[in-house]
Amino acid sequence: MDQIQWDDFAKVQLCAGTIIDVQEFPEARNPAWKLTIDFGSEIGTRRSSAQITQLYTQEDLMGMQVMAVVNFPKKQIGPFMSECLVTGMPREDGAIVLMTPTEPVPNGTQLC
C-alpha cells in the first residue's frame, strides 16, 4: 500500500452531516437511496446516492449523522447528480455499514 503525506490527507474534506431526506432510486443499477444531507451553513446541503439498502431503511436513515467527502467533483449517476461521497465499510457479506460519529457533532465538522 502506498503511503501518503499529511498534505495529501489534509486535502480530503471529510465532514459530518445529518441526513434530512431519503428517496428511492429505482433507476440505479444496484439498489440505492438518494440522500439529502445537511452539512451546516458553510457547506450547505448536498445530495448523494448510496448503495446501503441492505442494512438501512428510509426511516433508519432520517436524522442519522454520517461522514462524507464533500470536496469531490459532482458525479452523474444515471439521472441523479451526486454531490458528495457518503463513507462506509463493507461487511463480509458485502453490505455497507455507514461511518457515523459515535457522539453528535455540529454539521460540517471536519475529521481531524
PDB file of N, CA and C in Angstrom:
ATOM      1  N   MET A   1       0.848  -1.181   0.000  1.00  0.00           N
ATOM      2  CA  MET A   1       0.000   0.000   0.000  1.00  0.00           C
ATOM      3  C   MET A   1       0.890   1.240   0.000  1.00  0.00           C
ATOM      4  N   ASP A   2       0.547   2.174  -0.880  1.00  0.00           N
ATOM      5  CA  ASP A   2       1.306   3.414  -0.958  1.00  0.00           C
ATOM      6  C   ASP A   2       1.060   4.266   0.269  1.00  0.00           C
ATOM      7  N   GLN A   3       2.121   4.886   0.773  1.00  0.00           N
ATOM      8  CA  GLN A   3       1.977   5.836   1.862  1.00  0.00           C
ATOM      9  C   GLN A   3       1.681   7.212   1.277  1.00  0.00           C
ATOM     10  N   ILE A   4       0.932   7.999   2.033  1.00  0.00           N
ATOM     11  CA  ILE A   4       0.656   9.367   1.620  1.00  0.00           C
ATOM     12  C   ILE A   4       1.264  10.305   2.649  1.00  0.00           C
ATOM     13  N   GLN A   5       1.381  11.541   2.253  1.00  0.00           N
ATOM     14  CA  GLN A   5       1.880  12.574   3.156  1.00  0.00           C
ATOM     15  C   GLN A   5       0.695  13.262   3.835  1.00  0.00           C
ATOM     16  N   TRP A   6       0.953  13.945   4.941  1.00  0.00           N
ATOM     17  CA  TRP A   6      -0.097  14.647   5.665  1.00  0.00           C
ATOM     18  C   TRP A   6      -0.828  15.619   4.741  1.00  0.00           C
ATOM     19  N   ASP A   7      -0.089  16.303   3.867  1.00  0.00           N
ATOM     20  CA  ASP A   7      -0.716  17.261   2.953  1.00  0.00           C
ATOM     21  C   ASP A   7      -1.740  16.583   2.048  1.00  0.00           C
ATOM     22  N   ASP A   8      -1.482  15.320   1.667  1.00  0.00           N
ATOM     23  CA  ASP A   8      -2.446  14.577   0.850  1.00  0.00           C
ATOM     24  C   ASP A   8      -3.734  14.354   1.627  1.00  0.00           C
ATOM     25  N   PHE A   9      -3.620  13.911   2.865  1.00  0.00           N
ATOM     26  CA  PHE A   9      -4.795  13.666   3.711  1.00  0.00           C
ATOM     27  C   PHE A   9      -5.556  14.962   3.972  1.00  0.00           C
ATOM     28  N   ALA A  10      -4.823  16.039   4.189  1.00  0.00           N
ATOM     29  CA  ALA A  10      -5.450  17.325   4.522  1.00  0.00           C
ATOM     30  C   ALA A  10      -6.312  17.851   3.371  1.00  0.00           C
ATOM     31  N   LYS A  11      -6.087  17.379   2.152  1.00  0.00           N
ATOM     32  CA  LYS A  11      -6.885  17.814   1.005  1.00  0.00           C
ATOM     33  C   LYS A  11      -8.296  17.232   1.027  1.00  0.00           C
ATOM     34  N   VAL A  12      -8.493  16.129   1.721  1.00  0.00           N
ATOM     35  CA  VAL A  12      -9.802  15.464   1.766  1.00  0.00           C
ATOM     36  C   VAL A  12     -10.661  16.136   2.824  1.00  0.00           C
ATOM     37  N   GLN A  13     -11.774  16.722   2.401  1.00  0.00           N
ATOM     38  CA  GLN A  13     -12.686  17.374   3.329  1.00  0.00           C
ATOM     39  C   GLN A  13     -13.765  16.361   3.712  1.00  0.00           C
ATOM     40  N   LEU A  14     -13.513  15.642   4.801  1.00  0.00           N
ATOM     41  CA  LEU A  14     -14.405  14.597   5.308  1.00  0.00           C
ATOM     42  C   LEU A  14     -15.176  15.191   6.479  1.00  0.00           C
ATOM     43  N   CYS A  15     -16.476  15.408   6.275  1.00  0.00           N
ATOM     44  CA  CYS A  15     -17.284  16.156   7.239  1.00  0.00           C
ATOM     45  C   CYS A  15     -18.504  15.377   7.709  1.00  0.00           C
ATOM     46  N   ALA A  16     -18.975  15.750   8.889  1.00  0.00           N
ATOM     47  CA  ALA A  16     -20.213  15.194   9.434  1.00  0.00           C
ATOM     48  C   ALA A  16     -21.401  15.973   8.889  1.00  0.00           C
ATOM     49  N   GLY A  17     -22.460  15.249   8.583  1.00  0.00           N
ATOM     50  CA  GLY A  17     -23.699  15.868   8.143  1.00  0.00           C
ATOM     51  C   GLY A  17     -24.880  15.017   8.561  1.00  0.00           C
ATOM     52  N   THR A  18     -26.039  15.635   8.642  1.00  0.00           N
ATOM     53  CA  THR A  18     -27.254  14.945   9.049  1.00  0.00           C
ATOM     54  C   THR A  18     -28.157  14.715   7.844  1.00  0.00           C
ATOM     55  N   ILE A  19     -28.599  13.471   7.680  1.00  0.00           N
ATOM     56  CA  ILE A  19     -29.499  13.128   6.583  1.00  0.00           C
ATOM     57  C   ILE A  19     -30.873  13.753   6.855  1.00  0.00           C
ATOM     58  N   ILE A  20     -31.332  14.571   5.902  1.00  0.00           N
ATOM     59  CA  ILE A  20     -32.617  15.258   6.090  1.00  0.00           C
ATOM     60  C   ILE A  20     -33.686  14.790   5.107  1.00  0.00           C
ATOM     61  N   ASP A  21     -33.289  13.987   4.105  1.00  0.00           N
ATOM     62  CA  ASP A  21     -34.275  13.438   3.175  1.00  0.00           C
ATOM     63  C   ASP A  21     -33.711  12.167   2.559  1.00  0.00           C
ATOM     64  N   VAL A  22     -34.591  11.179   2.372  1.00  0.00           N
ATOM     65  CA  VAL A  22     -34.216   9.897   1.770  1.00  0.00           C
ATOM     66  C   VAL A  22     -35.287   9.549   0.744  1.00  0.00           C
ATOM     67  N   GLN A  23     -34.850   9.318  -0.496  1.00  0.00           N
ATOM     68  CA  GLN A  23     -35.780   8.974  -1.563  1.00  0.00           C
ATOM     69  C   GLN A  23     -35.348   7.671  -2.226  1.00  0.00           C
ATOM     70  N   GLU A  24     -36.309   6.959  -2.774  1.00  0.00           N
ATOM     71  CA  GLU A  24     -35.999   5.757  -3.549  1.00  0.00           C
ATOM     72  C   GLU A  24     -35.253   6.156  -4.814  1.00  0.00           C
ATOM     73  N   PHE A  25     -34.460   5.231  -5.340  1.00  0.00           N
ATOM     74  CA  PHE A  25     -33.694   5.480  -6.562  1.00  0.00           C
ATOM     75  C   PHE A  25     -33.878   4.284  -7.496  1.00  0.00           C
ATOM     76  N   PRO A  26     -35.087   4.150  -8.079  1.00  0.00           N
ATOM     77  CA  PRO A  26     -35.393   2.973  -8.891  1.00  0.00           C
ATOM     78  C   PRO A  26     -34.555   2.865 -10.167  1.00  0.00           C
ATOM     79  N   GLU A  27     -33.984   3.976 -10.632  1.00  0.00           N
ATOM     80  CA  GLU A  27     -33.183   3.944 -11.861  1.00  0.00           C
ATOM     81  C   GLU A  27     -31.762   3.428 -11.627  1.00  0.00           C
ATOM     82  N   ALA A  28     -31.350   3.302 -10.402  1.00  0.00           N
ATOM     83  CA  ALA A  28     -29.984   2.863 -10.094  1.00  0.00           C
ATOM     84  C   ALA A  28     -29.775   1.416 -10.539  1.00  0.00           C
ATOM     85  N   ARG A  29     -28.565   1.116 -11.022  1.00  0.00           N
ATOM     86  CA  ARG A  29     -28.232  -0.259 -11.432  1.00  0.00           C
ATOM     87  C   ARG A  29     -28.289  -1.210 -10.248  1.00  0.00           C
ATOM     88  N   ASN A  30     -27.756  -0.762  -9.112  1.00  0.00           N
ATOM     89  CA  ASN A  30     -27.804  -1.535  -7.873  1.00  0.00           C
ATOM     90  C   ASN A  30     -28.699  -0.781  -6.901  1.00  0.00           C
ATOM     91  N   PRO A  31     -29.429  -1.492  -6.042  1.00  0.00           N
ATOM     92  CA  PRO A  31     -30.336  -0.814  -5.107  1.00  0.00           C
ATOM     93  C   PRO A  31     -29.620   0.289  -4.329  1.00  0.00           C
ATOM     94  N   ALA A  32     -30.235   1.456  -4.292  1.00  0.00           N
ATOM     95  CA  ALA A  32     -29.615   2.614  -3.642  1.00  0.00           C
ATOM     96  C   ALA A  32     -30.687   3.573  -3.153  1.00  0.00           C
ATOM     97  N   TRP A  33     -30.275   4.444  -2.246  1.00  0.00           N
ATOM     98  CA  TRP A  33     -31.104   5.546  -1.779  1.00  0.00           C
ATOM     99  C   TRP A  33     -30.516   6.850  -2.308  1.00  0.00           C
ATOM    100  N   LYS A  34     -31.379   7.832  -2.555  1.00  0.00           N
ATOM    101  CA  LYS A  34     -30.948   9.197  -2.830  1.00  0.00           C
ATOM    102  C   LYS A  34     -31.055   9.952  -1.507  1.00  0.00           C
ATOM    103  N   LEU A  35     -29.929  10.466  -1.042  1.00  0.00           N
ATOM    104  CA  LEU A  35     -29.870  11.137   0.253  1.00  0.00           C
ATOM    105  C   LEU A  35     -29.664  12.632   0.073  1.00  0.00           C
ATOM    106  N   THR A  36     -30.306  13.419   0.915  1.00  0.00           N
ATOM    107  CA  THR A  36     -30.003  14.840   1.040  1.00  0.00           C
ATOM    108  C   THR A  36     -29.446  15.016   2.442  1.00  0.00           C
ATOM    109  N   ILE A  37     -28.268  15.639   2.514  1.00  0.00           N
ATOM    110  CA  ILE A  37     -27.528  15.721   3.773  1.00  0.00           C
ATOM    111  C   ILE A  37     -27.225  17.185   4.086  1.00  0.00           C
ATOM    112  N   ASP A  38     -27.502  17.585   5.327  1.00  0.00           N
ATOM    113  CA  ASP A  38     -27.233  18.946   5.801  1.00  0.00           C
ATOM    114  C   ASP A  38     -25.847  18.984   6.430  1.00  0.00           C
ATOM    115  N   PHE A  39     -24.952  19.775   5.826  1.00  0.00           N
ATOM    116  CA  PHE A  39     -23.591  19.927   6.348  1.00  0.00           C
ATOM    117  C   PHE A  39     -23.385  21.282   7.026  1.00  0.00           C
ATOM    118  N   GLY A  40     -24.443  21.930   7.431  1.00  0.00           N
ATOM    119  CA  GLY A  40     -24.322  23.200   8.141  1.00  0.00           C
ATOM    120  C   GLY A  40     -24.259  24.387   7.195  1.00  0.00           C
ATOM    121  N   SER A  41     -24.180  25.592   7.778  1.00  0.00           N
ATOM    122  CA  SER A  41     -24.308  26.826   7.000  1.00  0.00           C
ATOM    123  C   SER A  41     -23.144  27.066   6.044  1.00  0.00           C
ATOM    124  N   GLU A  42     -21.937  26.667   6.373  1.00  0.00           N
ATOM    125  CA  GLU A  42     -20.801  26.923   5.482  1.00  0.00           C
ATOM    126  C   GLU A  42     -20.836  26.066   4.225  1.00  0.00           C
ATOM    127  N   ILE A  43     -21.188  24.792   4.360  1.00  0.00           N
ATOM    128  CA  ILE A  43     -21.185  23.860   3.225  1.00  0.00           C
ATOM    129  C   ILE A  43     -22.567  23.768   2.597  1.00  0.00           C
ATOM    130  N   GLY A  44     -23.595  23.812   3.419  1.00  0.00           N
ATOM    131  CA  GLY A  44     -24.964  23.710   2.928  1.00  0.00           C
ATOM    132  C   GLY A  44     -25.412  22.259   2.798  1.00  0.00           C
ATOM    133  N   THR A  45     -26.423  22.022   1.970  1.00  0.00           N
ATOM    134  CA  THR A  45     -26.911  20.660   1.750  1.00  0.00           C
ATOM    135  C   THR A  45     -26.273  20.095   0.495  1.00  0.00           C
ATOM    136  N   ARG A  46     -26.062  18.798   0.522  1.00  0.00           N
ATOM    137  CA  ARG A  46     -25.517  18.072  -0.626  1.00  0.00           C
ATOM    138  C   ARG A  46     -26.335  16.803  -0.798  1.00  0.00           C
ATOM    139  N   ARG A  47     -26.360  16.298  -2.040  1.00  0.00           N
ATOM    140  CA  ARG A  47     -27.078  15.055  -2.333  1.00  0.00           C
ATOM    141  C   ARG A  47     -26.080  13.963  -2.663  1.00  0.00           C
ATOM    142  N   SER A  48     -26.461  12.733  -2.354  1.00  0.00           N
ATOM    143  CA  SER A  48     -25.597  11.583  -2.621  1.00  0.00           C
ATOM    144  C   SER A  48     -26.446  10.359  -2.893  1.00  0.00           C
ATOM    145  N   SER A  49     -25.941   9.507  -3.765  1.00  0.00           N
ATOM    146  CA  SER A  49     -26.542   8.196  -3.991  1.00  0.00           C
ATOM    147  C   SER A  49     -25.742   7.203  -3.160  1.00  0.00           C
ATOM    148  N   ALA A  50     -26.430   6.356  -2.416  1.00  0.00           N
ATOM    149  CA  ALA A  50     -25.728   5.423  -1.536  1.00  0.00           C
ATOM    150  C   ALA A  50     -26.342   4.027  -1.633  1.00  0.00           C
ATOM    151  N   GLN A  51     -25.493   3.043  -1.932  1.00  0.00           N
ATOM    152  CA  GLN A  51     -25.928   1.648  -2.039  1.00  0.00           C
ATOM    153  C   GLN A  51     -25.887   1.005  -0.651  1.00  0.00           C
ATOM    154  N   ILE A  52     -26.848   1.407   0.175  1.00  0.00           N
ATOM    155  CA  ILE A  52     -26.878   0.976   1.577  1.00  0.00           C
ATOM    156  C   ILE A  52     -28.231   0.381   1.947  1.00  0.00           C
ATOM    157  N   THR A  53     -28.967  -0.086   0.938  1.00  0.00           N
ATOM    158  CA  THR A  53     -30.332  -0.568   1.175  1.00  0.00           C
ATOM    159  C   THR A  53     -30.375  -1.894   1.916  1.00  0.00           C
ATOM    160  N   GLN A  54     -29.281  -2.648   1.936  1.00  0.00           N
ATOM    161  CA  GLN A  54     -29.290  -3.940   2.636  1.00  0.00           C
ATOM    162  C   GLN A  54     -29.447  -3.761   4.144  1.00  0.00           C
ATOM    163  N   LEU A  55     -28.874  -2.694   4.682  1.00  0.00           N
ATOM    164  CA  LEU A  55     -28.879  -2.518   6.139  1.00  0.00           C
ATOM    165  C   LEU A  55     -29.763  -1.377   6.633  1.00  0.00           C
ATOM    166  N   TYR A  56     -30.104  -0.431   5.751  1.00  0.00           N
ATOM    167  CA  TYR A  56     -30.774   0.785   6.211  1.00  0.00           C
ATOM    168  C   TYR A  56     -32.060   1.051   5.445  1.00  0.00           C
ATOM    169  N   THR A  57     -33.146   1.288   6.189  1.00  0.00           N
ATOM    170  CA  THR A  57     -34.413   1.709   5.598  1.00  0.00           C
ATOM    171  C   THR A  57     -34.438   3.238   5.547  1.00  0.00           C
ATOM    172  N   GLN A  58     -35.428   3.770   4.850  1.00  0.00           N
ATOM    173  CA  GLN A  58     -35.596   5.224   4.828  1.00  0.00           C
ATOM    174  C   GLN A  58     -35.757   5.762   6.241  1.00  0.00           C
ATOM    175  N   GLU A  59     -36.529   5.063   7.043  1.00  0.00           N
ATOM    176  CA  GLU A  59     -36.770   5.502   8.417  1.00  0.00           C
ATOM    177  C   GLU A  59     -35.489   5.467   9.247  1.00  0.00           C
ATOM    178  N   ASP A  60     -34.656   4.436   9.046  1.00  0.00           N
ATOM    179  CA  ASP A  60     -33.388   4.342   9.779  1.00  0.00           C
ATOM    180  C   ASP A  60     -32.500   5.546   9.480  1.00  0.00           C
ATOM    181  N   LEU A  61     -32.498   5.976   8.227  1.00  0.00           N
ATOM    182  CA  LEU A  61     -31.555   6.991   7.769  1.00  0.00           C
ATOM    183  C   LEU A  61     -31.948   8.420   8.138  1.00  0.00           C
ATOM    184  N   MET A  62     -33.256   8.680   8.219  1.00  0.00           N
ATOM    185  CA  MET A  62     -33.697  10.044   8.527  1.00  0.00           C
ATOM    186  C   MET A  62     -33.138  10.500   9.874  1.00  0.00           C
ATOM    187  N   GLY A  63     -32.424  11.620   9.851  1.00  0.00           N
ATOM    188  CA  GLY A  63     -31.860  12.186  11.078  1.00  0.00           C
ATOM    189  C   GLY A  63     -30.523  11.600  11.482  1.00  0.00           C
ATOM    190  N   MET A  64     -30.035  10.596  10.747  1.00  0.00           N
ATOM    191  CA  MET A  64     -28.749   9.982  11.078  1.00  0.00           C
ATOM    192  C   MET A  64     -27.606  10.905  10.673  1.00  0.00           C
ATOM    193  N   GLN A  65     -26.615  11.006  11.533  1.00  0.00           N
ATOM    194  CA  GLN A  65     -25.423  11.776  11.196  1.00  0.00           C
ATOM    195  C   GLN A  65     -24.406  10.833  10.565  1.00  0.00           C
ATOM    196  N   VAL A  66     -23.849  11.243   9.415  1.00  0.00           N
ATOM    197  CA  VAL A  66     -22.916  10.412   8.662  1.00  0.00           C
ATOM    198  C   VAL A  66     -21.658  11.215   8.351  1.00  0.00           C
ATOM    199  N   MET A  67     -20.625  10.517   7.880  1.00  0.00           N
ATOM    200  CA  MET A  67     -19.389  11.149   7.436  1.00  0.00           C
ATOM    201  C   MET A  67     -19.335  11.055   5.920  1.00  0.00           C
ATOM    202  N   ALA A  68     -19.006  12.175   5.268  1.00  0.00           N
ATOM    203  CA  ALA A  68     -18.961  12.195   3.809  1.00  0.00           C
ATOM    204  C   ALA A  68     -17.833  13.095   3.318  1.00  0.00           C
ATOM    205  N   VAL A  69     -17.290  12.737   2.158  1.00  0.00           N
ATOM    206  CA  VAL A  69     -16.315  13.584   1.485  1.00  0.00           C
ATOM    207  C   VAL A  69     -17.109  14.627   0.709  1.00  0.00           C
ATOM    208  N   VAL A  70     -16.864  15.907   1.000  1.00  0.00           N
ATOM    209  CA  VAL A  70     -17.664  16.968   0.385  1.00  0.00           C
ATOM    210  C   VAL A  70     -16.892  17.760  -0.672  1.00  0.00           C
ATOM    211  N   ASN A  71     -15.638  17.408  -0.933  1.00  0.00           N
ATOM    212  CA  ASN A  71     -14.889  18.177  -1.929  1.00  0.00           C
ATOM    213  C   ASN A  71     -14.461  17.358  -3.143  1.00  0.00           C
ATOM    214  N   PHE A  72     -15.177  16.270  -3.435  1.00  0.00           N
ATOM    215  CA  PHE A  72     -15.020  15.588  -4.721  1.00  0.00           C
ATOM    216  C   PHE A  72     -15.830  16.356  -5.759  1.00  0.00           C
ATOM    217  N   PRO A  73     -15.465  16.248  -7.040  1.00  0.00           N
ATOM    218  CA  PRO A  73     -16.325  16.835  -8.077  1.00  0.00           C
ATOM    219  C   PRO A  73     -17.676  16.111  -8.099  1.00  0.00           C
ATOM    220  N   LYS A  74     -18.707  16.806  -8.566  1.00  0.00           N
ATOM    221  CA  LYS A  74     -20.016  16.180  -8.727  1.00  0.00           C
ATOM    222  C   LYS A  74     -19.885  15.006  -9.696  1.00  0.00           C
ATOM    223  N   LYS A  75     -20.761  13.993  -9.500  1.00  0.00           N
ATOM    224  CA  LYS A  75     -20.717  12.807 -10.364  1.00  0.00           C
ATOM    225  C   LYS A  75     -22.135  12.456 -10.798  1.00  0.00           C
ATOM    226  N   GLN A  76     -22.320  12.311 -12.100  1.00  0.00           N
ATOM    227  CA  GLN A  76     -23.619  11.920 -12.642  1.00  0.00           C
ATOM    228  C   GLN A  76     -23.798  10.419 -12.466  1.00  0.00           C
ATOM    229  N   ILE A  77     -24.876  10.013 -11.793  1.00  0.00           N
ATOM    230  CA  ILE A  77     -25.206   8.606 -11.596  1.00  0.00           C
ATOM    231  C   ILE A  77     -26.593   8.408 -12.194  1.00  0.00           C
ATOM    232  N   GLY A  78     -26.642   7.959 -13.437  1.00  0.00           N
ATOM    233  CA  GLY A  78     -27.912   7.870 -14.143  1.00  0.00           C
ATOM    234  C   GLY A  78     -28.530   9.249 -14.221  1.00  0.00           C
ATOM    235  N   PRO A  79     -29.795   9.404 -13.821  1.00  0.00           N
ATOM    236  CA  PRO A  79     -30.443  10.711 -13.887  1.00  0.00           C
ATOM    237  C   PRO A  79     -30.162  11.587 -12.660  1.00  0.00           C
ATOM    238  N   PHE A  80     -29.285  11.138 -11.762  1.00  0.00           N
ATOM    239  CA  PHE A  80     -29.049  11.796 -10.476  1.00  0.00           C
ATOM    240  C   PHE A  80     -27.640  12.373 -10.423  1.00  0.00           C
ATOM    241  N   MET A  81     -27.499  13.591  -9.897  1.00  0.00           N
ATOM    242  CA  MET A  81     -26.195  14.210  -9.722  1.00  0.00           C
ATOM    243  C   MET A  81     -25.776  14.082  -8.257  1.00  0.00           C
ATOM    244  N   SER A  82     -24.726  13.288  -8.009  1.00  0.00           N
ATOM    245  CA  SER A  82     -24.210  13.099  -6.660  1.00  0.00           C
ATOM    246  C   SER A  82     -23.206  14.204  -6.356  1.00  0.00           C
ATOM    247  N   GLU A  83     -23.348  14.820  -5.182  1.00  0.00           N
ATOM    248  CA  GLU A  83     -22.530  15.976  -4.812  1.00  0.00           C
ATOM    249  C   GLU A  83     -21.561  15.703  -3.673  1.00  0.00           C
ATOM    250  N   CYS A  84     -21.611  14.516  -3.097  1.00  0.00           N
ATOM    251  CA  CYS A  84     -20.688  14.145  -2.034  1.00  0.00           C
ATOM    252  C   CYS A  84     -20.630  12.620  -1.969  1.00  0.00           C
ATOM    253  N   LEU A  85     -19.652  12.098  -1.257  1.00  0.00           N
ATOM    254  CA  LEU A  85     -19.484  10.651  -1.117  1.00  0.00           C
ATOM    255  C   LEU A  85     -19.675  10.258   0.340  1.00  0.00           C
ATOM    256  N   VAL A  86     -20.776   9.581   0.630  1.00  0.00           N
ATOM    257  CA  VAL A  86     -21.026   9.070   1.975  1.00  0.00           C
ATOM    258  C   VAL A  86     -20.094   7.884   2.193  1.00  0.00           C
ATOM    259  N   THR A  87     -19.474   7.815   3.358  1.00  0.00           N
ATOM    260  CA  THR A  87     -18.486   6.768   3.609  1.00  0.00           C
ATOM    261  C   THR A  87     -19.072   5.598   4.389  1.00  0.00           C
ATOM    262  N   GLY A  88     -18.533   4.430   4.102  1.00  0.00           N
ATOM    263  CA  GLY A  88     -18.945   3.211   4.782  1.00  0.00           C
ATOM    264  C   GLY A  88     -17.900   2.139   4.589  1.00  0.00           C
ATOM    265  N   MET A  89     -18.104   1.026   5.253  1.00  0.00           N
ATOM    266  CA  MET A  89     -17.191  -0.107   5.155  1.00  0.00           C
ATOM    267  C   MET A  89     -17.994  -1.369   4.887  1.00  0.00           C
ATOM    268  N   PRO A  90     -17.477  -2.252   4.021  1.00  0.00           N
ATOM    269  CA  PRO A  90     -18.231  -3.467   3.707  1.00  0.00           C
ATOM    270  C   PRO A  90     -18.084  -4.537   4.782  1.00  0.00           C
ATOM    271  N   ARG A  91     -19.204  -5.199   5.076  1.00  0.00           N
ATOM    272  CA  ARG A  91     -19.160  -6.390   5.925  1.00  0.00           C
ATOM    273  C   ARG A  91     -18.730  -7.561   5.050  1.00  0.00           C
ATOM    274  N   GLU A  92     -18.544  -8.727   5.661  1.00  0.00           N
ATOM    275  CA  GLU A  92     -18.155  -9.920   4.899  1.00  0.00           C
ATOM    276  C   GLU A  92     -19.174 -10.270   3.823  1.00  0.00           C
ATOM    277  N   ASP A  93     -20.455  -9.986   4.073  1.00  0.00           N
ATOM    278  CA  ASP A  93     -21.496 -10.304   3.092  1.00  0.00           C
ATOM    279  C   ASP A  93     -21.668  -9.211   2.032  1.00  0.00           C
ATOM    280  N   GLY A  94     -20.841  -8.163   2.094  1.00  0.00           N
ATOM    281  CA  GLY A  94     -20.889  -7.083   1.118  1.00  0.00           C
ATOM    282  C   GLY A  94     -21.780  -5.916   1.501  1.00  0.00           C
ATOM    283  N   ALA A  95     -22.608  -6.067   2.528  1.00  0.00           N
ATOM    284  CA  ALA A  95     -23.459  -4.961   2.968  1.00  0.00           C
ATOM    285  C   ALA A  95     -22.582  -3.833   3.512  1.00  0.00           C
ATOM    286  N   ILE A  96     -22.952  -2.591   3.190  1.00  0.00           N
ATOM    287  CA  ILE A  96     -22.168  -1.433   3.602  1.00  0.00           C
ATOM    288  C   ILE A  96     -22.669  -0.897   4.941  1.00  0.00           C
ATOM    289  N   VAL A  97     -21.736  -0.726   5.871  1.00  0.00           N
ATOM    290  CA  VAL A  97     -22.003  -0.149   7.189  1.00  0.00           C
ATOM    291  C   VAL A  97     -21.533   1.300   7.144  1.00  0.00           C
ATOM    292  N   LEU A  98     -22.427   2.230   7.395  1.00  0.00           N
ATOM    293  CA  LEU A  98     -22.082   3.643   7.343  1.00  0.00           C
ATOM    294  C   LEU A  98     -21.125   4.045   8.449  1.00  0.00           C
ATOM    295  N   MET A  99     -20.240   4.984   8.119  1.00  0.00           N
ATOM    296  CA  MET A  99     -19.355   5.579   9.118  1.00  0.00           C
ATOM    297  C   MET A  99     -20.095   6.759   9.735  1.00  0.00           C
ATOM    298  N   THR A 100     -20.259   6.713  11.046  1.00  0.00           N
ATOM    299  CA  THR A 100     -21.003   7.740  11.756  1.00  0.00           C
ATOM    300  C   THR A 100     -20.230   8.155  13.005  1.00  0.00           C
ATOM    301  N   PRO A 101     -20.365   9.414  13.424  1.00  0.00           N
ATOM    302  CA  PRO A 101     -19.760   9.802  14.692  1.00  0.00           C
ATOM    303  C   PRO A 101     -20.435   9.038  15.838  1.00  0.00           C
ATOM    304  N   THR A 102     -19.671   8.675  16.849  1.00  0.00           N
ATOM    305  CA  THR A 102     -20.251   7.963  17.990  1.00  0.00           C
ATOM    306  C   THR A 102     -20.992   8.906  18.933  1.00  0.00           C
ATOM    307  N   GLU A 103     -20.733  10.193  18.812  1.00  0.00           N
ATOM    308  CA  GLU A 103     -21.444  11.235  19.554  1.00  0.00           C
ATOM    309  C   GLU A 103     -21.813  12.326  18.552  1.00  0.00           C
ATOM    310  N   PRO A 104     -22.928  13.035  18.771  1.00  0.00           N
ATOM    311  CA  PRO A 104     -23.305  14.103  17.842  1.00  0.00           C
ATOM    312  C   PRO A 104     -22.238  15.204  17.816  1.00  0.00           C
ATOM    313  N   VAL A 105     -21.990  15.728  16.623  1.00  0.00           N
ATOM    314  CA  VAL A 105     -21.106  16.877  16.435  1.00  0.00           C
ATOM    315  C   VAL A 105     -21.835  17.875  15.536  1.00  0.00           C
ATOM    316  N   PRO A 106     -21.430  19.141  15.524  1.00  0.00           N
ATOM    317  CA  PRO A 106     -22.095  20.088  14.637  1.00  0.00           C
ATOM    318  C   PRO A 106     -21.946  19.682  13.179  1.00  0.00           C
ATOM    319  N   ASN A 107     -23.024  19.830  12.402  1.00  0.00           N
ATOM    320  CA  ASN A 107     -22.951  19.541  10.968  1.00  0.00           C
ATOM    321  C   ASN A 107     -21.857  20.393  10.343  1.00  0.00           C
ATOM    322  N   GLY A 108     -21.050  19.777   9.478  1.00  0.00           N
ATOM    323  CA  GLY A 108     -19.937  20.457   8.836  1.00  0.00           C
ATOM    324  C   GLY A 108     -18.612  20.247   9.543  1.00  0.00           C
ATOM    325  N   THR A 109     -18.633  19.652  10.738  1.00  0.00           N
ATOM    326  CA  THR A 109     -17.381  19.383  11.449  1.00  0.00           C
ATOM    327  C   THR A 109     -16.514  18.460  10.606  1.00  0.00           C
ATOM    328  N   GLN A 110     -15.253  18.860  10.423  1.00  0.00           N
ATOM    329  CA  GLN A 110     -14.333  18.109   9.582  1.00  0.00           C
ATOM    330  C   GLN A 110     -13.525  17.125  10.429  1.00  0.00           C
ATOM    331  N   LEU A 111     -13.325  15.919   9.874  1.00  0.00           N
ATOM    332  CA  LEU A 111     -12.484  14.920  10.518  1.00  0.00           C
ATOM    333  C   LEU A 111     -11.093  15.494  10.695  1.00  0.00           C
ATOM    334  N   CYS A 112     -10.506  15.251  11.868  1.00  0.00           N
ATOM    335  CA  CYS A 112      -9.155  15.762  12.119  1.00  0.00           C
ATOM    336  C   CYS A 112      -8.249  14.642  12.585  1.00  0.00           C
TER     337      CYS A 112
END
